[in-house]
Amino acid sequence: MGQKQAYRSDQSIFQFHLVLNISPRTVPGGEGMAFILAIDSNLPENSQGQWLGIVNAKTNGNSQAKIVAVEFDTRKSYPGDVDSNHAGLDVNSIYSIKQVPLGIFGINLSAGVDVMVRIQYEENLTVFIGEDARNLVFSEPIDLSLSSKGGAALLIGIAFFSCWKWKSKKNRSTTPIQA
């Protein structure tokens, strides 16, 4: 059983809302998308495709990657993937420490329909999905203080999303942004 990571009082509290719409144009479709928190705003080289911009073959599993991601996976790219329609929590690796199939909520990420998502953080990284983003996908304790030198960059690899909203305790902006 994994150890619970300590919560630090200097960590941010945030909520991120988005309307996700993935519509494959080829068979098979793409890999999905990821909501990424990272120290470095530059994506790793060769991190496209199955790597979802999170890591590459060299940085995968390396603690120096300092990346936390919520993936919305539309392809079973690895033997450890639960299916081709799941959400996962990735820490310094493309291999999720937590995965939940989204079919149990009646969600098909590749259906080309709007899917409401809410990602929030306050001690736990918590993901909700579905109509009004009310279905709890997972809630995992995680230390997002990726570095004592400062905050993390927000990187979003997007298939397509039509609207997003960011709310933070340190930054009270709640203005929706239309894509």
C-alpha atoms as a PDB file:
ATOM      1  CA  MET A   1       0.000   0.000   0.000  1.00  0.00           C
ATOM      2  CA  GLY A   2       1.367   3.431  -0.943  1.00  0.00           C
ATOM      3  CA  GLN A   3       2.330   6.026   1.605  1.00  0.00           C
ATOM      4  CA  LYS A   4       0.200   9.128   1.979  1.00  0.00           C
ATOM      5  CA  GLN A   5       2.232  12.136   0.941  1.00  0.00           C
ATOM      6  CA  ALA A   6       2.342  15.025   3.381  1.00  0.00           C
ATOM      7  CA  TYR A   7       0.302  18.125   2.608  1.00  0.00           C
ATOM      8  CA  ARG A   8       2.294  21.329   2.750  1.00  0.00           C
ATOM      9  CA  SER A   9       0.643  24.547   3.848  1.00  0.00           C
ATOM     10  CA  ASP A  10       2.369  26.532   1.087  1.00  0.00           C
ATOM     11  CA  GLN A  11       0.649  24.558  -1.662  1.00  0.00           C
ATOM     12  CA  SER A  12      -1.979  26.151  -3.865  1.00  0.00           C
ATOM     13  CA  ILE A  13      -5.620  25.213  -3.856  1.00  0.00           C
ATOM     14  CA  PHE A  14      -7.236  25.194  -7.287  1.00  0.00           C
ATOM     15  CA  GLN A  15     -10.186  24.126  -9.396  1.00  0.00           C
ATOM     16  CA  PHE A  16     -10.075  23.653 -13.155  1.00  0.00           C
ATOM     17  CA  HIS A  17     -13.251  23.120 -15.179  1.00  0.00           C
ATOM     18  CA  LEU A  18     -13.350  22.170 -18.838  1.00  0.00           C
ATOM     19  CA  VAL A  19     -15.684  20.882 -21.488  1.00  0.00           C
ATOM     20  CA  LEU A  20     -13.785  18.155 -23.302  1.00  0.00           C
ATOM     21  CA  ASN A  21     -14.759  16.960 -26.779  1.00  0.00           C
ATOM     22  CA  ILE A  22     -12.583  14.329 -28.462  1.00  0.00           C
ATOM     23  CA  SER A  23     -13.629  13.428 -31.993  1.00  0.00           C
ATOM     24  CA  PRO A  24     -11.265  10.949 -33.713  1.00  0.00           C
ATOM     25  CA  ARG A  25     -10.501  11.723 -37.347  1.00  0.00           C
ATOM     26  CA  THR A  26      -8.639   8.462 -38.045  1.00  0.00           C
ATOM     27  CA  VAL A  27      -8.925   4.789 -37.060  1.00  0.00           C
ATOM     28  CA  PRO A  28      -7.577   4.222 -34.550  1.00  0.00           C
ATOM     29  CA  GLY A  29      -8.049   7.673 -33.066  1.00  0.00           C
ATOM     30  CA  GLY A  30      -5.515   9.674 -31.113  1.00  0.00           C
ATOM     31  CA  GLU A  31      -4.198   8.987 -27.646  1.00  0.00           C
ATOM     32  CA  GLY A  32      -6.415  11.413 -25.712  1.00  0.00           C
ATOM     33  CA  MET A  33      -5.322  14.470 -23.745  1.00  0.00           C
ATOM     34  CA  ALA A  34      -3.633  15.365 -20.483  1.00  0.00           C
ATOM     35  CA  PHE A  35      -3.925  18.125 -17.894  1.00  0.00           C
ATOM     36  CA  ILE A  36      -0.293  18.604 -16.851  1.00  0.00           C
ATOM     37  CA  LEU A  37       1.322  20.353 -13.895  1.00  0.00           C
ATOM     38  CA  ALA A  38       5.077  20.716 -14.338  1.00  0.00           C
ATOM     39  CA  ILE A  39       8.051  22.737 -13.175  1.00  0.00           C
ATOM     40  CA  ASP A  40       9.228  23.396 -16.730  1.00  0.00           C
ATOM     41  CA  SER A  41       6.792  24.879 -19.252  1.00  0.00           C
ATOM     42  CA  ASN A  42       8.693  23.186 -22.102  1.00  0.00           C
ATOM     43  CA  LEU A  43       7.373  19.761 -22.987  1.00  0.00           C
ATOM     44  CA  PRO A  44       9.976  16.982 -23.105  1.00  0.00           C
ATOM     45  CA  GLU A  45      11.358  16.279 -26.586  1.00  0.00           C
ATOM     46  CA  ASN A  46       9.680  13.343 -28.362  1.00  0.00           C
ATOM     47  CA  SER A  47       6.756  13.354 -25.910  1.00  0.00           C
ATOM     48  CA  GLN A  48       3.997  13.364 -28.536  1.00  0.00           C
ATOM     49  CA  GLY A  49       1.586  10.521 -29.268  1.00  0.00           C
ATOM     50  CA  GLN A  50       1.365   7.818 -26.622  1.00  0.00           C
ATOM     51  CA  TRP A  51       3.408   9.981 -24.233  1.00  0.00           C
ATOM     52  CA  LEU A  52       0.631  12.677 -24.180  1.00  0.00           C
ATOM     53  CA  GLY A  53       3.259  15.409 -23.696  1.00  0.00           C
ATOM     54  CA  ILE A  54       3.941  14.125 -20.175  1.00  0.00           C
ATOM     55  CA  VAL A  55       7.303  12.362 -20.558  1.00  0.00           C
ATOM     56  CA  ASN A  56       9.331  10.554 -23.225  1.00  0.00           C
ATOM     57  CA  ALA A  57      11.155   7.216 -23.361  1.00  0.00           C
ATOM     58  CA  LYS A  58      14.159   8.717 -21.531  1.00  0.00           C
ATOM     59  CA  THR A  59      12.285  10.633 -18.779  1.00  0.00           C
ATOM     60  CA  ASN A  60       9.472   8.107 -18.163  1.00  0.00           C
ATOM     61  CA  GLY A  61       9.627   6.961 -14.537  1.00  0.00           C
ATOM     62  CA  ASN A  62      12.444   9.373 -13.673  1.00  0.00           C
ATOM     63  CA  SER A  63      11.755  11.316 -10.461  1.00  0.00           C
ATOM     64  CA  GLN A  64      13.560  14.290 -11.992  1.00  0.00           C
ATOM     65  CA  ALA A  65      10.691  14.665 -14.498  1.00  0.00           C
ATOM     66  CA  LYS A  66       8.691  16.510 -11.787  1.00  0.00           C
ATOM     67  CA  ILE A  67       5.394  16.172 -13.646  1.00  0.00           C
ATOM     68  CA  VAL A  68       1.909  15.349 -12.398  1.00  0.00           C
ATOM     69  CA  ALA A  69      -0.810  14.759 -14.984  1.00  0.00           C
ATOM     70  CA  VAL A  70      -4.434  13.757 -15.215  1.00  0.00           C
ATOM     71  CA  GLU A  71      -4.792  11.824 -18.452  1.00  0.00           C
ATOM     72  CA  PHE A  72      -7.964  11.240 -20.401  1.00  0.00           C
ATOM     73  CA  ASP A  73      -6.839   8.214 -22.396  1.00  0.00           C
ATOM     74  CA  THR A  74      -8.605   7.091 -25.569  1.00  0.00           C
ATOM     75  CA  ARG A  75      -6.273   4.251 -26.508  1.00  0.00           C
ATOM     76  CA  LYS A  76      -4.983   1.227 -24.620  1.00  0.00           C
ATOM     77  CA  SER A  77      -1.324   1.949 -25.393  1.00  0.00           C
ATOM     78  CA  TYR A  78       0.246  -0.071 -22.586  1.00  0.00           C
ATOM     79  CA  PRO A  79      -0.510  -3.490 -21.080  1.00  0.00           C
ATOM     80  CA  GLY A  80      -1.211  -1.734 -17.761  1.00  0.00           C
ATOM     81  CA  ASP A  81      -3.940   0.496 -19.227  1.00  0.00           C
ATOM     82  CA  VAL A  82      -7.311  -0.610 -17.864  1.00  0.00           C
ATOM     83  CA  ASP A  83      -9.037   0.058 -21.214  1.00  0.00           C
ATOM     84  CA  SER A  84      -9.158   2.555 -24.098  1.00  0.00           C
ATOM     85  CA  ASN A  85     -11.531   4.932 -22.282  1.00  0.00           C
ATOM     86  CA  HIS A  86     -10.190   5.901 -18.873  1.00  0.00           C
ATOM     87  CA  ALA A  87      -8.889   8.685 -16.654  1.00  0.00           C
ATOM     88  CA  GLY A  88      -5.554   8.235 -14.938  1.00  0.00           C
ATOM     89  CA  LEU A  89      -3.250   9.992 -12.509  1.00  0.00           C
ATOM     90  CA  ASP A  90       0.361  10.055 -13.684  1.00  0.00           C
ATOM     91  CA  VAL A  91       3.341  11.064 -11.542  1.00  0.00           C
ATOM     92  CA  ASN A  92       6.677  11.375 -13.400  1.00  0.00           C
ATOM     93  CA  SER A  93       5.531   8.600 -15.725  1.00  0.00           C
ATOM     94  CA  ILE A  94       2.981   7.715 -18.386  1.00  0.00           C
ATOM     95  CA  TYR A  95       2.082   4.683 -16.262  1.00  0.00           C
ATOM     96  CA  SER A  96      -0.799   5.789 -14.071  1.00  0.00           C
ATOM     97  CA  ILE A  97      -0.703   5.305 -10.311  1.00  0.00           C
ATOM     98  CA  LYS A  98      -4.515   5.393 -10.427  1.00  0.00           C
ATOM     99  CA  GLN A  99      -6.852   4.540 -13.327  1.00  0.00           C
ATOM    100  CA  VAL A 100     -10.620   4.473 -13.575  1.00  0.00           C
ATOM    101  CA  PRO A 101     -12.585   3.262 -16.621  1.00  0.00           C
ATOM    102  CA  LEU A 102     -15.043   5.974 -17.634  1.00  0.00           C
ATOM    103  CA  GLY A 103     -17.627   3.603 -19.111  1.00  0.00           C
ATOM    104  CA  ILE A 104     -18.964   3.038 -15.587  1.00  0.00           C
ATOM    105  CA  PHE A 105     -20.220   6.637 -15.735  1.00  0.00           C
ATOM    106  CA  GLY A 106     -21.676   6.246 -19.243  1.00  0.00           C
ATOM    107  CA  ILE A 107     -18.800   8.332 -20.656  1.00  0.00           C
ATOM    108  CA  ASN A 108     -17.113   7.546 -23.992  1.00  0.00           C
ATOM    109  CA  LEU A 109     -14.250  10.005 -24.453  1.00  0.00           C
ATOM    110  CA  SER A 110     -14.054   9.331 -28.213  1.00  0.00           C
ATOM    111  CA  ALA A 111     -17.758   9.894 -28.918  1.00  0.00           C
ATOM    112  CA  GLY A 112     -17.292  13.477 -30.119  1.00  0.00           C
ATOM    113  CA  VAL A 113     -19.691  14.849 -27.498  1.00  0.00           C
ATOM    114  CA  ASP A 114     -19.116  17.416 -24.778  1.00  0.00           C
ATOM    115  CA  VAL A 115     -17.883  15.928 -21.499  1.00  0.00           C
ATOM    116  CA  MET A 116     -17.799  18.121 -18.393  1.00  0.00           C
ATOM    117  CA  VAL A 117     -14.657  17.713 -16.264  1.00  0.00           C
ATOM    118  CA  ARG A 118     -13.616  19.275 -12.961  1.00  0.00           C
ATOM    119  CA  ILE A 119     -10.119  18.844 -11.530  1.00  0.00           C
ATOM    120  CA  GLN A 120      -9.484  20.253  -8.082  1.00  0.00           C
ATOM    121  CA  TYR A 121      -6.679  20.215  -5.575  1.00  0.00           C
ATOM    122  CA  GLU A 122      -6.587  20.691  -1.833  1.00  0.00           C
ATOM    123  CA  GLU A 123      -4.400  17.968  -0.305  1.00  0.00           C
ATOM    124  CA  ASN A 124      -5.949  15.487  -2.749  1.00  0.00           C
ATOM    125  CA  LEU A 125      -6.006  15.720  -6.534  1.00  0.00           C
ATOM    126  CA  THR A 126      -9.661  15.034  -7.295  1.00  0.00           C
ATOM    127  CA  VAL A 127     -11.345  14.495 -10.673  1.00  0.00           C
ATOM    128  CA  PHE A 128     -15.071  14.648 -11.436  1.00  0.00           C
ATOM    129  CA  ILE A 129     -16.703  13.919 -14.808  1.00  0.00           C
ATOM    130  CA  GLY A 130     -20.120  13.769 -16.472  1.00  0.00           C
ATOM    131  CA  GLU A 131     -23.167  15.996 -16.581  1.00  0.00           C
ATOM    132  CA  ASP A 132     -22.329  18.935 -14.307  1.00  0.00           C
ATOM    133  CA  ALA A 133     -19.021  17.141 -13.516  1.00  0.00           C
ATOM    134  CA  ARG A 134     -20.557  15.454 -10.446  1.00  0.00           C
ATOM    135  CA  ASN A 135     -19.294  11.848 -10.809  1.00  0.00           C
ATOM    136  CA  LEU A 136     -16.222  11.303  -8.635  1.00  0.00           C
ATOM    137  CA  VAL A 137     -13.598   9.563 -10.767  1.00  0.00           C
ATOM    138  CA  PHE A 138     -10.835   9.545  -8.146  1.00  0.00           C
ATOM    139  CA  SER A 139      -9.378  11.516  -5.270  1.00  0.00           C
ATOM    140  CA  GLU A 140      -5.747  10.808  -4.426  1.00  0.00           C
ATOM    141  CA  PRO A 141      -3.461  12.414  -1.829  1.00  0.00           C
ATOM    142  CA  ILE A 142      -0.482  13.934  -3.597  1.00  0.00           C
ATOM    143  CA  ASP A 143       2.166  16.549  -2.854  1.00  0.00           C
ATOM    144  CA  LEU A 144       2.048  19.119  -5.637  1.00  0.00           C
ATOM    145  CA  SER A 145       4.940  21.159  -4.261  1.00  0.00           C
ATOM    146  CA  LEU A 146       7.045  19.992  -7.183  1.00  0.00           C
ATOM    147  CA  SER A 147       9.871  22.301  -6.247  1.00  0.00           C
ATOM    148  CA  SER A 148      10.782  24.530  -3.338  1.00  0.00           C
ATOM    149  CA  LYS A 149      11.947  27.118  -5.892  1.00  0.00           C
ATOM    150  CA  GLY A 150       8.471  28.177  -6.988  1.00  0.00           C
ATOM    151  CA  GLY A 151       5.217  27.212  -8.597  1.00  0.00           C
ATOM    152  CA  ALA A 152       4.439  24.830 -11.362  1.00  0.00           C
ATOM    153  CA  ALA A 153       3.465  25.660 -14.906  1.00  0.00           C
ATOM    154  CA  LEU A 154       0.078  24.575 -16.221  1.00  0.00           C
ATOM    155  CA  LEU A 155       0.361  22.761 -19.537  1.00  0.00           C
ATOM    156  CA  ILE A 156      -2.624  21.382 -21.363  1.00  0.00           C
ATOM    157  CA  GLY A 157      -2.341  19.037 -24.320  1.00  0.00           C
ATOM    158  CA  ILE A 158      -5.693  19.373 -26.028  1.00  0.00           C
ATOM    159  CA  ALA A 159      -7.669  17.309 -28.462  1.00  0.00           C
ATOM    160  CA  PHE A 160     -10.403  19.960 -28.314  1.00  0.00           C
ATOM    161  CA  PHE A 161     -12.188  21.722 -25.551  1.00  0.00           C
ATOM    162  CA  SER A 162     -14.822  24.380 -25.886  1.00  0.00           C
ATOM    163  CA  CYS A 163     -14.589  26.156 -22.529  1.00  0.00           C
ATOM    164  CA  TRP A 164     -12.420  26.210 -19.434  1.00  0.00           C
ATOM    165  CA  LYS A 165     -12.316  27.999 -16.111  1.00  0.00           C
ATOM    166  CA  TRP A 166      -9.489  28.237 -13.567  1.00  0.00           C
ATOM    167  CA  LYS A 167     -10.007  29.177  -9.921  1.00  0.00           C
ATOM    168  CA  SER A 168      -7.210  29.349  -7.369  1.00  0.00           C
ATOM    169  CA  LYS A 169      -7.016  30.443  -3.759  1.00  0.00           C
ATOM    170  CA  LYS A 170      -3.961  32.517  -4.648  1.00  0.00           C
ATOM    171  CA  ASN A 171      -5.542  33.783  -7.893  1.00  0.00           C
ATOM    172  CA  ARG A 172      -9.258  34.419  -7.465  1.00  0.00           C
ATOM    173  CA  SER A 173      -9.945  34.708 -11.212  1.00  0.00           C
ATOM    174  CA  THR A 174     -13.005  32.687 -12.199  1.00  0.00           C
ATOM    175  CA  THR A 175     -13.631  34.126 -15.640  1.00  0.00           C
ATOM    176  CA  PRO A 176     -14.519  31.389 -18.154  1.00  0.00           C
ATOM    177  CA  ILE A 177     -12.442  31.443 -21.311  1.00  0.00           C
ATOM    178  CA  GLN A 178     -14.088  30.339 -24.546  1.00  0.00           C
ATOM    179  CA  ALA A 179     -11.867  28.456 -26.980  1.00  0.00           C
END
